[in-house]
Amino acid sequence: EWLSEQGVNAMIRVDADRAVANSPAWTFAASG
């Protein structure tokens, strides 16, 4: 929420397939 107030587009997601494969399943991305 704070990032959006600064004009930053941001998200966090989890990928179940990567979790099953024991890879880093969580991803945060930001831009703008």
Full PDB file with SEQRES, HELIX, SHEET, SSBOND, CRYST1, ORIGX, SCALE, CONECT and MASTER records, all heavy atoms in Angstrom:
SEQRES   1 A   32  GLU TRP LEU SER GLU GLN GLY VAL ASN ALA MET ILE ARG          
SEQRES   2 A   32  VAL ASP ALA ASP ARG ALA VAL ALA ASN SER PRO ALA TRP          
SEQRES   3 A   32  THR PHE ALA ALA SER GLY                                      
HELIX    1 AA1 TRP A    2  GLU A    5  1                                   4    
HELIX    2 AA2 ALA A   16  VAL A   20  1                                   5    
SHEET    1 AA1 2 ASN A   9  VAL A  14  0                                        
SHEET    2 AA1 2 TRP A  26  SER A  31 -1                                        
CRYST1    1.000    1.000    1.000  90.00  90.00  90.00 P 1           1          
ORIGX1      1.000000  0.000000  0.000000        0.00000                         
ORIGX2      0.000000  1.000000  0.000000        0.00000                         
ORIGX3      0.000000  0.000000  1.000000        0.00000                         
SCALE1      1.000000  0.000000  0.000000        0.00000                         
SCALE2      0.000000  1.000000  0.000000        0.00000                         
SCALE3      0.000000  0.000000  1.000000        0.00000                         
ATOM      1  N   GLU A   1       0.833  -1.207   0.000  1.00  0.00           N  
ATOM      2  CA  GLU A   1       0.000   0.000   0.000  1.00  0.00           C  
ATOM      3  C   GLU A   1       0.867   1.256   0.000  1.00  0.00           C  
ATOM      4  O   GLU A   1       0.619   2.199  -0.761  1.00  0.00           O  
ATOM      5  CB  GLU A   1      -0.929  -0.011   1.215  1.00  0.00           C  
ATOM      6  CG  GLU A   1      -1.905   1.150   1.225  1.00  0.00           C  
ATOM      7  CD  GLU A   1      -2.880   1.045   2.377  1.00  0.00           C  
ATOM      8  OE1 GLU A   1      -2.495   0.610   3.478  1.00  0.00           O  
ATOM      9  OE2 GLU A   1      -4.035   1.416   2.164  1.00  0.00           O  
ATOM     10  N   TRP A   2       1.910   1.281   0.817  1.00  0.00           N  
ATOM     11  CA  TRP A   2       2.811   2.434   0.866  1.00  0.00           C  
ATOM     12  C   TRP A   2       3.480   2.639  -0.494  1.00  0.00           C  
ATOM     13  O   TRP A   2       3.581   3.766  -0.974  1.00  0.00           O  
ATOM     14  CB  TRP A   2       3.853   2.247   1.966  1.00  0.00           C  
ATOM     15  CG  TRP A   2       4.752   3.420   2.119  1.00  0.00           C  
ATOM     16  CD1 TRP A   2       4.523   4.543   2.875  1.00  0.00           C  
ATOM     17  CD2 TRP A   2       6.029   3.610   1.491  1.00  0.00           C  
ATOM     18  NE1 TRP A   2       5.578   5.405   2.745  1.00  0.00           N  
ATOM     19  CE2 TRP A   2       6.518   4.872   1.909  1.00  0.00           C  
ATOM     20  CE3 TRP A   2       6.803   2.844   0.634  1.00  0.00           C  
ATOM     21  CZ2 TRP A   2       7.736   5.368   1.486  1.00  0.00           C  
ATOM     22  CZ3 TRP A   2       8.025   3.346   0.211  1.00  0.00           C  
ATOM     23  CH2 TRP A   2       8.486   4.597   0.635  1.00  0.00           C  
ATOM     24  N   LEU A   3       3.926   1.551  -1.118  1.00  0.00           N  
ATOM     25  CA  LEU A   3       4.560   1.661  -2.428  1.00  0.00           C  
ATOM     26  C   LEU A   3       3.596   2.259  -3.448  1.00  0.00           C  
ATOM     27  O   LEU A   3       3.984   3.115  -4.250  1.00  0.00           O  
ATOM     28  CB  LEU A   3       5.066   0.301  -2.899  1.00  0.00           C  
ATOM     29  CG  LEU A   3       6.303  -0.233  -2.174  1.00  0.00           C  
ATOM     30  CD1 LEU A   3       6.546  -1.687  -2.533  1.00  0.00           C  
ATOM     31  CD2 LEU A   3       7.520   0.626  -2.476  1.00  0.00           C  
ATOM     32  N   SER A   4       2.344   1.844  -3.422  1.00  0.00           N  
ATOM     33  CA  SER A   4       1.373   2.401  -4.371  1.00  0.00           C  
ATOM     34  C   SER A   4       1.199   3.898  -4.161  1.00  0.00           C  
ATOM     35  O   SER A   4       1.025   4.648  -5.120  1.00  0.00           O  
ATOM     36  CB  SER A   4       0.029   1.679  -4.268  1.00  0.00           C  
ATOM     37  OG  SER A   4      -0.670   2.051  -3.111  1.00  0.00           O  
ATOM     38  N   GLU A   5       1.271   4.348  -2.916  1.00  0.00           N  
ATOM     39  CA  GLU A   5       1.178   5.781  -2.622  1.00  0.00           C  
ATOM     40  C   GLU A   5       2.378   6.553  -3.161  1.00  0.00           C  
ATOM     41  O   GLU A   5       2.307   7.766  -3.365  1.00  0.00           O  
ATOM     42  CB  GLU A   5       1.041   6.011  -1.120  1.00  0.00           C  
ATOM     43  CG  GLU A   5      -0.291   5.525  -0.567  1.00  0.00           C  
ATOM     44  CD  GLU A   5      -0.360   5.557   0.941  1.00  0.00           C  
ATOM     45  OE1 GLU A   5       0.664   5.854   1.599  1.00  0.00           O  
ATOM     46  OE2 GLU A   5      -1.443   5.265   1.479  1.00  0.00           O  
ATOM     47  N   GLN A   6       3.486   5.854  -3.405  1.00  0.00           N  
ATOM     48  CA  GLN A   6       4.684   6.478  -3.961  1.00  0.00           C  
ATOM     49  C   GLN A   6       4.696   6.393  -5.487  1.00  0.00           C  
ATOM     50  O   GLN A   6       5.663   6.798  -6.127  1.00  0.00           O  
ATOM     51  CB  GLN A   6       5.952   5.819  -3.408  1.00  0.00           C  
ATOM     52  CG  GLN A   6       6.008   5.649  -1.904  1.00  0.00           C  
ATOM     53  CD  GLN A   6       5.642   6.900  -1.139  1.00  0.00           C  
ATOM     54  OE1 GLN A   6       6.239   7.951  -1.342  1.00  0.00           O  
ATOM     55  NE2 GLN A   6       4.654   6.800  -0.257  1.00  0.00           N  
ATOM     56  N   GLY A   7       3.652   5.813  -6.072  1.00  0.00           N  
ATOM     57  CA  GLY A   7       3.585   5.658  -7.516  1.00  0.00           C  
ATOM     58  C   GLY A   7       4.260   4.406  -8.040  1.00  0.00           C  
ATOM     59  O   GLY A   7       4.505   4.279  -9.234  1.00  0.00           O  
ATOM     60  N   VAL A   8       4.571   3.474  -7.149  1.00  0.00           N  
ATOM     61  CA  VAL A   8       5.246   2.225  -7.524  1.00  0.00           C  
ATOM     62  C   VAL A   8       4.199   1.133  -7.715  1.00  0.00           C  
ATOM     63  O   VAL A   8       3.335   0.929  -6.865  1.00  0.00           O  
ATOM     64  CB  VAL A   8       6.265   1.801  -6.449  1.00  0.00           C  
ATOM     65  CG1 VAL A   8       6.887   0.458  -6.782  1.00  0.00           C  
ATOM     66  CG2 VAL A   8       7.331   2.864  -6.276  1.00  0.00           C  
ATOM     67  N   ASN A   9       4.282   0.448  -8.848  1.00  0.00           N  
ATOM     68  CA  ASN A   9       3.457  -0.732  -9.087  1.00  0.00           C  
ATOM     69  C   ASN A   9       4.178  -1.914  -8.436  1.00  0.00           C  
ATOM     70  O   ASN A   9       5.370  -2.113  -8.682  1.00  0.00           O  
ATOM     71  CB  ASN A   9       3.322  -1.000 -10.587  1.00  0.00           C  
ATOM     72  CG  ASN A   9       2.707   0.180 -11.307  1.00  0.00           C  
ATOM     73  OD1 ASN A   9       1.655   0.660 -10.918  1.00  0.00           O  
ATOM     74  ND2 ASN A   9       3.374   0.652 -12.343  1.00  0.00           N  
ATOM     75  N   ALA A  10       3.472  -2.677  -7.614  1.00  0.00           N  
ATOM     76  CA  ALA A  10       4.142  -3.779  -6.911  1.00  0.00           C  
ATOM     77  C   ALA A  10       3.179  -4.934  -6.708  1.00  0.00           C  
ATOM     78  O   ALA A  10       1.962  -4.745  -6.632  1.00  0.00           O  
ATOM     79  CB  ALA A  10       4.666  -3.298  -5.559  1.00  0.00           C  
ATOM     80  N   MET A  11       3.755  -6.125  -6.616  1.00  0.00           N  
ATOM     81  CA  MET A  11       2.959  -7.323  -6.346  1.00  0.00           C  
ATOM     82  C   MET A  11       3.808  -8.368  -5.657  1.00  0.00           C  
ATOM     83  O   MET A  11       5.036  -8.344  -5.731  1.00  0.00           O  
ATOM     84  CB  MET A  11       2.397  -7.907  -7.630  1.00  0.00           C  
ATOM     85  CG  MET A  11       3.446  -8.468  -8.563  1.00  0.00           C  
ATOM     86  SD  MET A  11       2.679  -9.464  -9.817  1.00  0.00           S  
ATOM     87  CE  MET A  11       3.893 -10.759  -9.953  1.00  0.00           C  
ATOM     88  N   ILE A  12       3.128  -9.266  -4.971  1.00  0.00           N  
ATOM     89  CA  ILE A  12       3.780 -10.449  -4.421  1.00  0.00           C  
ATOM     90  C   ILE A  12       2.913 -11.635  -4.822  1.00  0.00           C  
ATOM     91  O   ILE A  12       1.686 -11.526  -4.865  1.00  0.00           O  
ATOM     92  CB  ILE A  12       3.972 -10.375  -2.890  1.00  0.00           C  
ATOM     93  CG1 ILE A  12       4.794 -11.567  -2.415  1.00  0.00           C  
ATOM     94  CG2 ILE A  12       2.661 -10.235  -2.159  1.00  0.00           C  
ATOM     95  CD1 ILE A  12       5.376 -11.424  -1.032  1.00  0.00           C  
ATOM     96  N   ARG A  13       3.566 -12.722  -5.176  1.00  0.00           N  
ATOM     97  CA  ARG A  13       2.829 -13.907  -5.603  1.00  0.00           C  
ATOM     98  C   ARG A  13       3.551 -15.159  -5.145  1.00  0.00           C  
ATOM     99  O   ARG A  13       4.745 -15.131  -4.839  1.00  0.00           O  
ATOM    100  CB  ARG A  13       2.634 -13.922  -7.113  1.00  0.00           C  
ATOM    101  CG  ARG A  13       3.900 -14.199  -7.892  1.00  0.00           C  
ATOM    102  CD  ARG A  13       3.703 -14.196  -9.406  1.00  0.00           C  
ATOM    103  NE  ARG A  13       2.827 -15.227  -9.890  1.00  0.00           N  
ATOM    104  CZ  ARG A  13       3.234 -16.412 -10.334  1.00  0.00           C  
ATOM    105  NH1 ARG A  13       4.521 -16.716 -10.355  1.00  0.00           N  
ATOM    106  NH2 ARG A  13       2.379 -17.295 -10.772  1.00  0.00           N  
ATOM    107  N   VAL A  14       2.801 -16.235  -5.110  1.00  0.00           N  
ATOM    108  CA  VAL A  14       3.371 -17.548  -4.803  1.00  0.00           C  
ATOM    109  C   VAL A  14       3.028 -18.477  -5.958  1.00  0.00           C  
ATOM    110  O   VAL A  14       1.934 -18.443  -6.503  1.00  0.00           O  
ATOM    111  CB  VAL A  14       2.866 -18.089  -3.440  1.00  0.00           C  
ATOM    112  CG1 VAL A  14       1.379 -18.322  -3.442  1.00  0.00           C  
ATOM    113  CG2 VAL A  14       3.630 -19.329  -3.030  1.00  0.00           C  
ATOM    114  N   ASP A  15       3.988 -19.289  -6.346  1.00  0.00           N  
ATOM    115  CA  ASP A  15       3.839 -20.225  -7.456  1.00  0.00           C  
ATOM    116  C   ASP A  15       3.865 -21.641  -6.883  1.00  0.00           C  
ATOM    117  O   ASP A  15       4.914 -22.128  -6.450  1.00  0.00           O  
ATOM    118  CB  ASP A  15       4.983 -20.009  -8.449  1.00  0.00           C  
ATOM    119  CG  ASP A  15       4.859 -20.864  -9.694  1.00  0.00           C  
ATOM    120  OD1 ASP A  15       4.455 -22.041  -9.583  1.00  0.00           O  
ATOM    121  OD2 ASP A  15       5.188 -20.352 -10.776  1.00  0.00           O  
ATOM    122  N   ALA A  16       2.719 -22.290  -6.879  1.00  0.00           N  
ATOM    123  CA  ALA A  16       2.605 -23.624  -6.285  1.00  0.00           C  
ATOM    124  C   ALA A  16       3.498 -24.648  -6.982  1.00  0.00           C  
ATOM    125  O   ALA A  16       4.058 -25.533  -6.329  1.00  0.00           O  
ATOM    126  CB  ALA A  16       1.149 -24.088  -6.326  1.00  0.00           C  
ATOM    127  N   ASP A  17       3.650 -24.530  -8.300  1.00  0.00           N  
ATOM    128  CA  ASP A  17       4.514 -25.473  -9.017  1.00  0.00           C  
ATOM    129  C   ASP A  17       5.961 -25.351  -8.571  1.00  0.00           C  
ATOM    130  O   ASP A  17       6.661 -26.347  -8.426  1.00  0.00           O  
ATOM    131  CB  ASP A  17       4.418 -25.253 -10.532  1.00  0.00           C  
ATOM    132  CG  ASP A  17       3.055 -25.640 -11.082  1.00  0.00           C  
ATOM    133  OD1 ASP A  17       2.384 -26.495 -10.464  1.00  0.00           O  
ATOM    134  OD2 ASP A  17       2.664 -25.064 -12.118  1.00  0.00           O  
ATOM    135  N   ARG A  18       6.428 -24.124  -8.359  1.00  0.00           N  
ATOM    136  CA  ARG A  18       7.806 -23.948  -7.882  1.00  0.00           C  
ATOM    137  C   ARG A  18       7.949 -24.444  -6.455  1.00  0.00           C  
ATOM    138  O   ARG A  18       8.994 -24.974  -6.082  1.00  0.00           O  
ATOM    139  CB  ARG A  18       8.229 -22.477  -7.998  1.00  0.00           C  
ATOM    140  CG  ARG A  18       8.411 -22.067  -9.432  1.00  0.00           C  
ATOM    141  CD  ARG A  18       8.991 -20.716  -9.674  1.00  0.00           C  
ATOM    142  NE  ARG A  18       9.117 -19.825  -8.551  1.00  0.00           N  
ATOM    143  CZ  ARG A  18       9.443 -18.553  -8.643  1.00  0.00           C  
ATOM    144  NH1 ARG A  18       9.679 -18.010  -9.814  1.00  0.00           N  
ATOM    145  NH2 ARG A  18       9.544 -17.806  -7.576  1.00  0.00           N  
ATOM    146  N   ALA A  19       6.911 -24.295  -5.636  1.00  0.00           N  
ATOM    147  CA  ALA A  19       6.964 -24.793  -4.253  1.00  0.00           C  
ATOM    148  C   ALA A  19       7.100 -26.307  -4.246  1.00  0.00           C  
ATOM    149  O   ALA A  19       7.898 -26.860  -3.487  1.00  0.00           O  
ATOM    150  CB  ALA A  19       5.726 -24.360  -3.480  1.00  0.00           C  
ATOM    151  N   VAL A  20       6.347 -26.991  -5.095  1.00  0.00           N  
ATOM    152  CA  VAL A  20       6.418 -28.450  -5.191  1.00  0.00           C  
ATOM    153  C   VAL A  20       7.800 -28.878  -5.659  1.00  0.00           C  
ATOM    154  O   VAL A  20       8.338 -29.890  -5.196  1.00  0.00           O  
ATOM    155  CB  VAL A  20       5.314 -28.988  -6.138  1.00  0.00           C  
ATOM    156  CG1 VAL A  20       5.530 -30.451  -6.458  1.00  0.00           C  
ATOM    157  CG2 VAL A  20       3.949 -28.765  -5.525  1.00  0.00           C  
ATOM    158  N   ALA A  21       8.402 -28.096  -6.546  1.00  0.00           N  
ATOM    159  CA  ALA A  21       9.733 -28.415  -7.074  1.00  0.00           C  
ATOM    160  C   ALA A  21      10.846 -27.981  -6.119  1.00  0.00           C  
ATOM    161  O   ALA A  21      12.022 -28.082  -6.449  1.00  0.00           O  
ATOM    162  CB  ALA A  21       9.928 -27.745  -8.431  1.00  0.00           C  
ATOM    163  N   ASN A  22      10.473 -27.502  -4.934  1.00  0.00           N  
ATOM    164  CA  ASN A  22      11.433 -27.025  -3.927  1.00  0.00           C  
ATOM    165  C   ASN A  22      12.294 -25.873  -4.441  1.00  0.00           C  
ATOM    166  O   ASN A  22      13.459 -25.738  -4.085  1.00  0.00           O  
ATOM    167  CB  ASN A  22      12.299 -28.172  -3.408  1.00  0.00           C  
ATOM    168  CG  ASN A  22      12.873 -27.847  -2.039  1.00  0.00           C  
ATOM    169  OD1 ASN A  22      12.295 -27.070  -1.284  1.00  0.00           O  
ATOM    170  ND2 ASN A  22      14.014 -28.426  -1.730  1.00  0.00           N  
ATOM    171  N   SER A  23      11.700 -25.040  -5.299  1.00  0.00           N  
ATOM    172  CA  SER A  23      12.348 -23.824  -5.795  1.00  0.00           C  
ATOM    173  C   SER A  23      11.769 -22.639  -5.036  1.00  0.00           C  
ATOM    174  O   SER A  23      10.718 -22.755  -4.400  1.00  0.00           O  
ATOM    175  CB  SER A  23      12.065 -23.652  -7.288  1.00  0.00           C  
ATOM    176  OG  SER A  23      12.614 -24.721  -8.014  1.00  0.00           O  
ATOM    177  N   PRO A  24      12.422 -21.481  -5.101  1.00  0.00           N  
ATOM    178  CA  PRO A  24      11.853 -20.298  -4.445  1.00  0.00           C  
ATOM    179  C   PRO A  24      10.471 -19.985  -5.028  1.00  0.00           C  
ATOM    180  O   PRO A  24      10.346 -19.575  -6.179  1.00  0.00           O  
ATOM    181  CB  PRO A  24      12.857 -19.194  -4.761  1.00  0.00           C  
ATOM    182  CG  PRO A  24      14.136 -19.914  -5.036  1.00  0.00           C  
ATOM    183  CD  PRO A  24      13.737 -21.208  -5.678  1.00  0.00           C  
ATOM    184  N   ALA A  25       9.434 -20.198  -4.246  1.00  0.00           N  
ATOM    185  CA  ALA A  25       8.062 -20.079  -4.734  1.00  0.00           C  
ATOM    186  C   ALA A  25       7.501 -18.664  -4.633  1.00  0.00           C  
ATOM    187  O   ALA A  25       6.549 -18.331  -5.321  1.00  0.00           O  
ATOM    188  CB  ALA A  25       7.163 -21.037  -3.962  1.00  0.00           C  
ATOM    189  N   TRP A  26       8.065 -17.821  -3.776  1.00  0.00           N  
ATOM    190  CA  TRP A  26       7.549 -16.471  -3.569  1.00  0.00           C  
ATOM    191  C   TRP A  26       8.308 -15.478  -4.436  1.00  0.00           C  
ATOM    192  O   TRP A  26       9.533 -15.525  -4.516  1.00  0.00           O  
ATOM    193  CB  TRP A  26       7.678 -16.073  -2.096  1.00  0.00           C  
ATOM    194  CG  TRP A  26       6.715 -16.813  -1.230  1.00  0.00           C  
ATOM    195  CD1 TRP A  26       6.919 -18.003  -0.591  1.00  0.00           C  
ATOM    196  CD2 TRP A  26       5.384 -16.423  -0.929  1.00  0.00           C  
ATOM    197  NE1 TRP A  26       5.790 -18.369   0.088  1.00  0.00           N  
ATOM    198  CE2 TRP A  26       4.834 -17.408  -0.090  1.00  0.00           C  
ATOM    199  CE3 TRP A  26       4.593 -15.329  -1.277  1.00  0.00           C  
ATOM    200  CZ2 TRP A  26       3.528 -17.342   0.396  1.00  0.00           C  
ATOM    201  CZ3 TRP A  26       3.295 -15.259  -0.786  1.00  0.00           C  
ATOM    202  CH2 TRP A  26       2.775 -16.252   0.040  1.00  0.00           C  
ATOM    203  N   THR A  27       7.559 -14.566  -5.067  1.00  0.00           N  
ATOM    204  CA  THR A  27       8.157 -13.539  -5.919  1.00  0.00           C  
ATOM    205  C   THR A  27       7.538 -12.187  -5.588  1.00  0.00           C  
ATOM    206  O   THR A  27       6.316 -12.059  -5.476  1.00  0.00           O  
ATOM    207  CB  THR A  27       7.905 -13.840  -7.412  1.00  0.00           C  
ATOM    208  OG1 THR A  27       8.494 -15.095  -7.732  1.00  0.00           O  
ATOM    209  CG2 THR A  27       8.499 -12.755  -8.306  1.00  0.00           C  
ATOM    210  N   PHE A  28       8.383 -11.188  -5.431  1.00  0.00           N  
ATOM    211  CA  PHE A  28       7.978  -9.792  -5.288  1.00  0.00           C  
ATOM    212  C   PHE A  28       8.505  -9.063  -6.515  1.00  0.00           C  
ATOM    213  O   PHE A  28       9.664  -9.267  -6.905  1.00  0.00           O  
ATOM    214  CB  PHE A  28       8.586  -9.177  -4.020  1.00  0.00           C  
ATOM    215  CG  PHE A  28       8.344  -7.693  -3.910  1.00  0.00           C  
ATOM    216  CD1 PHE A  28       7.208  -7.210  -3.296  1.00  0.00           C  
ATOM    217  CD2 PHE A  28       9.249  -6.791  -4.435  1.00  0.00           C  
ATOM    218  CE1 PHE A  28       6.974  -5.844  -3.207  1.00  0.00           C  
ATOM    219  CE2 PHE A  28       9.030  -5.422  -4.352  1.00  0.00           C  
ATOM    220  CZ  PHE A  28       7.894  -4.959  -3.736  1.00  0.00           C  
ATOM    221  N   ALA A  29       7.671  -8.232  -7.117  1.00  0.00           N  
ATOM    222  CA  ALA A  29       8.105  -7.428  -8.259  1.00  0.00           C  
ATOM    223  C   ALA A  29       7.592  -6.017  -8.100  1.00  0.00           C  
ATOM    224  O   ALA A  29       6.487  -5.800  -7.584  1.00  0.00           O  
ATOM    225  CB  ALA A  29       7.592  -8.042  -9.563  1.00  0.00           C  
ATOM    226  N   ALA A  30       8.401  -5.035  -8.532  1.00  0.00           N  
ATOM    227  CA  ALA A  30       8.014  -3.627  -8.443  1.00  0.00           C  
ATOM    228  C   ALA A  30       8.606  -2.861  -9.613  1.00  0.00           C  
ATOM    229  O   ALA A  30       9.694  -3.194 -10.099  1.00  0.00           O  
ATOM    230  CB  ALA A  30       8.483  -3.024  -7.118  1.00  0.00           C  
ATOM    231  N   SER A  31       7.883  -1.819 -10.033  1.00  0.00           N  
ATOM    232  CA  SER A  31       8.375  -0.961 -11.110  1.00  0.00           C  
ATOM    233  C   SER A  31       7.630   0.367 -11.059  1.00  0.00           C  
ATOM    234  O   SER A  31       6.593   0.495 -10.406  1.00  0.00           O  
ATOM    235  CB  SER A  31       8.156  -1.616 -12.472  1.00  0.00           C  
ATOM    236  OG  SER A  31       6.769  -1.774 -12.722  1.00  0.00           O  
ATOM    237  N   GLY A  32       8.177   1.334 -11.758  1.00  0.00           N  
ATOM    238  CA  GLY A  32       7.519   2.630 -11.879  1.00  0.00           C  
ATOM    239  C   GLY A  32       7.816   3.575 -10.732  1.00  0.00           C  
ATOM    240  O   GLY A  32       8.608   3.276  -9.836  1.00  0.00           O  
TER     241      GLY A  32                                                      
MASTER        0    0    0    2    2    0    0    6  240    1    0    3          
END                                                                             
